[in-house]
Amino acid sequence: MSNVLPQETRARIETFVRYKFVVILALILIGSAFIALLSILPAYVSIYVPKLALEETSRELREAEAQANDDRTTVARTKALTAELGAVRSEPVIAPLIETVLAEKPRTITISNIVFRPGSPGSLVLTGTSEDRRDLEAYRERLTALGRFDTVSVPVAALVGALSGSFTITISGTF
């Protein structure tokens, strides 16, 4: 067989075929690399996603632990405040004392003001009016007879009627 193509043209064609071969080989290698990457991607995702979940879980655990520490601090501070306020709370409650004093009051006496001063001894001052001074004296005697109070005093002017029914009773004791 004879070669009809001149030597230059033949060299150009061989060069063109060689370039074509190199380009096709490069495309095949790039395609193979892309397929290999796609085949490895599930393995990468299966490792990376749990790692993210683990990091998220550990972050949530750290936040929960920090919150628990804050809660413990708050509880300790609350207990300390409660202990400090315990001394105030441990003082006897005044409501039963006032109920006792008002339960002994006759109907003819009206209490208009009550002042409580805690201490040792404490005092309870009742201010009001009385229709009859004998009822006021009987009220004072009933309060004294209860035995809960150290002293129950009414000014003499109220007992003799000089204050036209107005009175002030001062009760003192440990309460």
C-alpha atoms as a PDB file:
ATOM      1  CA  MET A   1       0.000   0.000   0.000  1.00  0.00           C
ATOM      2  CA  SER A   2       1.213   3.286  -0.722  1.00  0.00           C
ATOM      3  CA  ASN A   3       0.984   6.410   1.242  1.00  0.00           C
ATOM      4  CA  VAL A   4      -0.931   9.071  -0.585  1.00  0.00           C
ATOM      5  CA  LEU A   5      -0.590  11.697   2.083  1.00  0.00           C
ATOM      6  CA  PRO A   6       2.436  13.874   2.156  1.00  0.00           C
ATOM      7  CA  GLN A   7       4.798  13.546   5.121  1.00  0.00           C
ATOM      8  CA  GLU A   8       3.757  16.903   6.701  1.00  0.00           C
ATOM      9  CA  THR A   9       0.093  16.136   6.623  1.00  0.00           C
ATOM     10  CA  ARG A  10       0.753  12.705   7.981  1.00  0.00           C
ATOM     11  CA  ALA A  11       2.761  14.193  10.920  1.00  0.00           C
ATOM     12  CA  ARG A  12      -0.023  16.672  11.624  1.00  0.00           C
ATOM     13  CA  ILE A  13      -2.636  13.934  11.666  1.00  0.00           C
ATOM     14  CA  GLU A  14      -0.516  11.780  13.987  1.00  0.00           C
ATOM     15  CA  THR A  15      -0.070  14.787  16.315  1.00  0.00           C
ATOM     16  CA  PHE A  16      -3.812  15.463  16.181  1.00  0.00           C
ATOM     17  CA  VAL A  17      -4.576  11.808  17.002  1.00  0.00           C
ATOM     18  CA  ARG A  18      -2.041  11.862  19.829  1.00  0.00           C
ATOM     19  CA  TYR A  19      -3.675  15.014  21.321  1.00  0.00           C
ATOM     20  CA  LYS A  20      -7.065  13.421  20.895  1.00  0.00           C
ATOM     21  CA  PHE A  21      -5.814  10.299  22.689  1.00  0.00           C
ATOM     22  CA  VAL A  22      -4.392  12.370  25.561  1.00  0.00           C
ATOM     23  CA  VAL A  23      -7.612  14.415  25.915  1.00  0.00           C
ATOM     24  CA  ILE A  24      -9.793  11.300  25.883  1.00  0.00           C
ATOM     25  CA  LEU A  25      -7.487   9.602  28.406  1.00  0.00           C
ATOM     26  CA  ALA A  26      -7.659  12.714  30.636  1.00  0.00           C
ATOM     27  CA  LEU A  27     -11.472  12.742  30.390  1.00  0.00           C
ATOM     28  CA  ILE A  28     -11.584   9.057  31.276  1.00  0.00           C
ATOM     29  CA  LEU A  29      -9.326   9.656  34.313  1.00  0.00           C
ATOM     30  CA  ILE A  30     -11.416  12.647  35.436  1.00  0.00           C
ATOM     31  CA  GLY A  31     -14.593  10.585  35.039  1.00  0.00           C
ATOM     32  CA  SER A  32     -13.042   7.713  37.011  1.00  0.00           C
ATOM     33  CA  ALA A  33     -11.991  10.125  39.757  1.00  0.00           C
ATOM     34  CA  PHE A  34     -15.517  11.581  39.878  1.00  0.00           C
ATOM     35  CA  ILE A  35     -17.044   8.083  40.117  1.00  0.00           C
ATOM     36  CA  ALA A  36     -14.538   7.152  42.827  1.00  0.00           C
ATOM     37  CA  LEU A  37     -15.446  10.343  44.714  1.00  0.00           C
ATOM     38  CA  LEU A  38     -19.150   9.544  44.442  1.00  0.00           C
ATOM     39  CA  SER A  39     -18.527   6.011  45.696  1.00  0.00           C
ATOM     40  CA  ILE A  40     -16.524   7.278  48.693  1.00  0.00           C
ATOM     41  CA  LEU A  41     -18.996  10.062  49.516  1.00  0.00           C
ATOM     42  CA  PRO A  42     -21.485   7.808  51.434  1.00  0.00           C
ATOM     43  CA  ALA A  43     -18.660   6.538  53.638  1.00  0.00           C
ATOM     44  CA  TYR A  44     -17.531  10.101  54.315  1.00  0.00           C
ATOM     45  CA  VAL A  45     -21.090  11.197  55.100  1.00  0.00           C
ATOM     46  CA  SER A  46     -21.636   8.173  57.358  1.00  0.00           C
ATOM     47  CA  ILE A  47     -18.591   9.206  59.385  1.00  0.00           C
ATOM     48  CA  TYR A  48     -19.036  12.980  59.284  1.00  0.00           C
ATOM     49  CA  VAL A  49     -22.764  13.168  60.168  1.00  0.00           C
ATOM     50  CA  PRO A  50     -22.478  11.115  63.394  1.00  0.00           C
ATOM     51  CA  LYS A  51     -19.429  13.183  64.292  1.00  0.00           C
ATOM     52  CA  LEU A  52     -21.539  16.342  63.920  1.00  0.00           C
ATOM     53  CA  ALA A  53     -24.324  14.742  65.942  1.00  0.00           C
ATOM     54  CA  LEU A  54     -21.810  13.751  68.610  1.00  0.00           C
ATOM     55  CA  GLU A  55     -20.422  17.283  68.732  1.00  0.00           C
ATOM     56  CA  GLU A  56     -23.988  18.663  68.966  1.00  0.00           C
ATOM     57  CA  THR A  57     -24.825  16.196  71.732  1.00  0.00           C
ATOM     58  CA  SER A  58     -21.652  16.998  73.638  1.00  0.00           C
ATOM     59  CA  ARG A  59     -22.379  20.731  73.263  1.00  0.00           C
ATOM     60  CA  GLU A  60     -25.906  20.159  74.581  1.00  0.00           C
ATOM     61  CA  LEU A  61     -24.478  18.104  77.455  1.00  0.00           C
ATOM     62  CA  ARG A  62     -22.041  20.902  78.300  1.00  0.00           C
ATOM     63  CA  GLU A  63     -24.899  23.415  78.218  1.00  0.00           C
ATOM     64  CA  ALA A  64     -27.062  21.136  80.379  1.00  0.00           C
ATOM     65  CA  GLU A  65     -24.185  20.699  82.833  1.00  0.00           C
ATOM     66  CA  ALA A  66     -23.634  24.456  82.941  1.00  0.00           C
ATOM     67  CA  GLN A  67     -27.366  24.959  83.553  1.00  0.00           C
ATOM     68  CA  ALA A  68     -27.298  22.317  86.300  1.00  0.00           C
ATOM     69  CA  ASN A  69     -24.355  24.111  87.932  1.00  0.00           C
ATOM     70  CA  ASP A  70     -26.245  27.406  87.724  1.00  0.00           C
ATOM     71  CA  ASP A  71     -29.276  25.701  89.260  1.00  0.00           C
ATOM     72  CA  ARG A  72     -27.151  24.263  92.078  1.00  0.00           C
ATOM     73  CA  THR A  73     -25.718  27.723  92.729  1.00  0.00           C
ATOM     74  CA  THR A  74     -29.210  29.216  92.775  1.00  0.00           C
ATOM     75  CA  VAL A  75     -30.450  26.520  95.160  1.00  0.00           C
ATOM     76  CA  ALA A  76     -27.479  27.076  97.480  1.00  0.00           C
ATOM     77  CA  ARG A  77     -28.032  30.827  97.427  1.00  0.00           C
ATOM     78  CA  THR A  78     -31.754  30.329  98.084  1.00  0.00           C
ATOM     79  CA  LYS A  79     -31.004  28.004 100.991  1.00  0.00           C
ATOM     80  CA  ALA A  80     -28.621  30.580 102.445  1.00  0.00           C
ATOM     81  CA  LEU A  81     -31.228  33.322 102.113  1.00  0.00           C
ATOM     82  CA  THR A  82     -33.867  31.054 103.621  1.00  0.00           C
ATOM     83  CA  ALA A  83     -31.551  30.319 106.536  1.00  0.00           C
ATOM     84  CA  GLU A  84     -31.010  34.044 107.053  1.00  0.00           C
ATOM     85  CA  LEU A  85     -34.733  34.684 106.883  1.00  0.00           C
ATOM     86  CA  GLY A  86     -35.386  31.726 109.177  1.00  0.00           C
ATOM     87  CA  ALA A  87     -34.579  33.892 112.172  1.00  0.00           C
ATOM     88  CA  VAL A  88     -37.269  36.351 111.120  1.00  0.00           C
ATOM     89  CA  ARG A  89     -39.726  33.572 110.399  1.00  0.00           C
ATOM     90  CA  SER A  90     -38.987  31.826 113.677  1.00  0.00           C
ATOM     91  CA  GLU A  91     -40.468  34.734 115.626  1.00  0.00           C
ATOM     92  CA  PRO A  92     -44.023  33.924 116.748  1.00  0.00           C
ATOM     93  CA  VAL A  93     -46.720  34.892 114.342  1.00  0.00           C
ATOM     94  CA  ILE A  94     -48.744  37.907 115.489  1.00  0.00           C
ATOM     95  CA  ALA A  95     -52.067  36.828 113.958  1.00  0.00           C
ATOM     96  CA  PRO A  96     -52.987  34.266 116.685  1.00  0.00           C
ATOM     97  CA  LEU A  97     -52.070  36.813 119.350  1.00  0.00           C
ATOM     98  CA  ILE A  98     -54.362  39.452 117.835  1.00  0.00           C
ATOM     99  CA  GLU A  99     -57.130  36.870 117.406  1.00  0.00           C
ATOM    100  CA  THR A 100     -56.860  35.996 121.099  1.00  0.00           C
ATOM    101  CA  VAL A 101     -56.980  39.650 122.139  1.00  0.00           C
ATOM    102  CA  LEU A 102     -59.969  40.396 119.911  1.00  0.00           C
ATOM    103  CA  ALA A 103     -61.828  37.230 121.011  1.00  0.00           C
ATOM    104  CA  GLU A 104     -61.843  38.506 124.604  1.00  0.00           C
ATOM    105  CA  LYS A 105     -63.209  41.945 123.593  1.00  0.00           C
ATOM    106  CA  PRO A 106     -66.764  42.740 124.738  1.00  0.00           C
ATOM    107  CA  ARG A 107     -69.317  44.084 122.230  1.00  0.00           C
ATOM    108  CA  THR A 108     -69.332  47.531 123.778  1.00  0.00           C
ATOM    109  CA  ILE A 109     -65.670  48.078 122.944  1.00  0.00           C
ATOM    110  CA  THR A 110     -64.510  49.084 119.443  1.00  0.00           C
ATOM    111  CA  ILE A 111     -60.851  48.669 118.495  1.00  0.00           C
ATOM    112  CA  SER A 112     -59.835  51.213 115.848  1.00  0.00           C
ATOM    113  CA  ASN A 113     -56.061  50.725 115.723  1.00  0.00           C
ATOM    114  CA  ILE A 114     -53.565  47.977 116.590  1.00  0.00           C
ATOM    115  CA  VAL A 115     -49.816  48.610 116.737  1.00  0.00           C
ATOM    116  CA  PHE A 116     -47.389  45.725 117.217  1.00  0.00           C
ATOM    117  CA  ARG A 117     -43.785  46.305 118.264  1.00  0.00           C
ATOM    118  CA  PRO A 118     -41.752  43.087 118.368  1.00  0.00           C
ATOM    119  CA  GLY A 119     -38.913  42.693 120.787  1.00  0.00           C
ATOM    120  CA  SER A 120     -38.116  41.351 124.166  1.00  0.00           C
ATOM    121  CA  PRO A 121     -40.424  42.379 125.650  1.00  0.00           C
ATOM    122  CA  GLY A 122     -42.695  43.211 122.743  1.00  0.00           C
ATOM    123  CA  SER A 123     -45.765  45.369 122.939  1.00  0.00           C
ATOM    124  CA  LEU A 124     -49.207  45.409 121.416  1.00  0.00           C
ATOM    125  CA  VAL A 125     -51.051  48.717 121.648  1.00  0.00           C
ATOM    126  CA  LEU A 126     -54.832  48.729 121.142  1.00  0.00           C
ATOM    127  CA  THR A 127     -56.587  52.043 120.566  1.00  0.00           C
ATOM    128  CA  GLY A 128     -60.349  52.416 120.456  1.00  0.00           C
ATOM    129  CA  THR A 129     -63.515  53.531 122.210  1.00  0.00           C
ATOM    130  CA  SER A 130     -65.653  52.034 124.920  1.00  0.00           C
ATOM    131  CA  GLU A 131     -69.290  52.725 125.765  1.00  0.00           C
ATOM    132  CA  ASP A 132     -68.846  51.704 129.378  1.00  0.00           C
ATOM    133  CA  ARG A 133     -65.694  52.055 131.478  1.00  0.00           C
ATOM    134  CA  ARG A 134     -66.642  48.951 133.493  1.00  0.00           C
ATOM    135  CA  ASP A 135     -66.464  46.868 130.291  1.00  0.00           C
ATOM    136  CA  LEU A 136     -63.016  48.312 129.635  1.00  0.00           C
ATOM    137  CA  GLU A 137     -61.858  47.281 133.134  1.00  0.00           C
ATOM    138  CA  ALA A 138     -63.376  43.802 132.652  1.00  0.00           C
ATOM    139  CA  TYR A 139     -61.599  43.518 129.273  1.00  0.00           C
ATOM    140  CA  ARG A 140     -58.276  44.417 130.913  1.00  0.00           C
ATOM    141  CA  GLU A 141     -58.865  41.815 133.651  1.00  0.00           C
ATOM    142  CA  ARG A 142     -59.734  39.091 131.080  1.00  0.00           C
ATOM    143  CA  LEU A 143     -56.544  39.819 129.145  1.00  0.00           C
ATOM    144  CA  THR A 144     -54.506  39.661 132.366  1.00  0.00           C
ATOM    145  CA  ALA A 145     -56.210  36.387 133.346  1.00  0.00           C
ATOM    146  CA  LEU A 146     -55.129  34.736 130.092  1.00  0.00           C
ATOM    147  CA  GLY A 147     -51.575  34.550 131.448  1.00  0.00           C
ATOM    148  CA  ARG A 148     -50.006  35.060 128.009  1.00  0.00           C
ATOM    149  CA  PHE A 149     -48.951  38.645 128.705  1.00  0.00           C
ATOM    150  CA  ASP A 150     -46.534  40.145 131.204  1.00  0.00           C
ATOM    151  CA  THR A 151     -48.549  43.337 131.692  1.00  0.00           C
ATOM    152  CA  VAL A 152     -51.849  44.737 130.474  1.00  0.00           C
ATOM    153  CA  SER A 153     -52.141  48.428 131.251  1.00  0.00           C
ATOM    154  CA  VAL A 154     -54.896  50.977 130.658  1.00  0.00           C
ATOM    155  CA  PRO A 155     -54.378  54.648 131.538  1.00  0.00           C
ATOM    156  CA  VAL A 156     -56.281  55.666 134.644  1.00  0.00           C
ATOM    157  CA  ALA A 157     -57.960  58.531 132.790  1.00  0.00           C
ATOM    158  CA  ALA A 158     -59.686  55.992 130.520  1.00  0.00           C
ATOM    159  CA  LEU A 159     -60.858  53.928 133.487  1.00  0.00           C
ATOM    160  CA  VAL A 160     -62.394  56.905 135.314  1.00  0.00           C
ATOM    161  CA  GLY A 161     -64.138  58.145 132.161  1.00  0.00           C
ATOM    162  CA  ALA A 162     -62.130  61.339 131.733  1.00  0.00           C
ATOM    163  CA  LEU A 163     -61.367  60.576 128.060  1.00  0.00           C
ATOM    164  CA  SER A 164     -65.075  60.268 127.062  1.00  0.00           C
ATOM    165  CA  GLY A 165     -64.781  56.622 126.041  1.00  0.00           C
ATOM    166  CA  SER A 166     -61.444  56.735 124.238  1.00  0.00           C
ATOM    167  CA  PHE A 167     -58.765  54.386 125.513  1.00  0.00           C
ATOM    168  CA  THR A 168     -55.360  52.895 124.831  1.00  0.00           C
ATOM    169  CA  ILE A 169     -54.455  49.450 126.144  1.00  0.00           C
ATOM    170  CA  THR A 170     -50.793  48.520 126.159  1.00  0.00           C
ATOM    171  CA  ILE A 171     -50.047  44.788 126.336  1.00  0.00           C
ATOM    172  CA  SER A 172     -46.457  43.724 126.820  1.00  0.00           C
ATOM    173  CA  GLY A 173     -44.817  40.341 126.888  1.00  0.00           C
ATOM    174  CA  THR A 174     -42.524  37.993 125.051  1.00  0.00           C
ATOM    175  CA  PHE A 175     -44.141  37.539 121.654  1.00  0.00           C
END
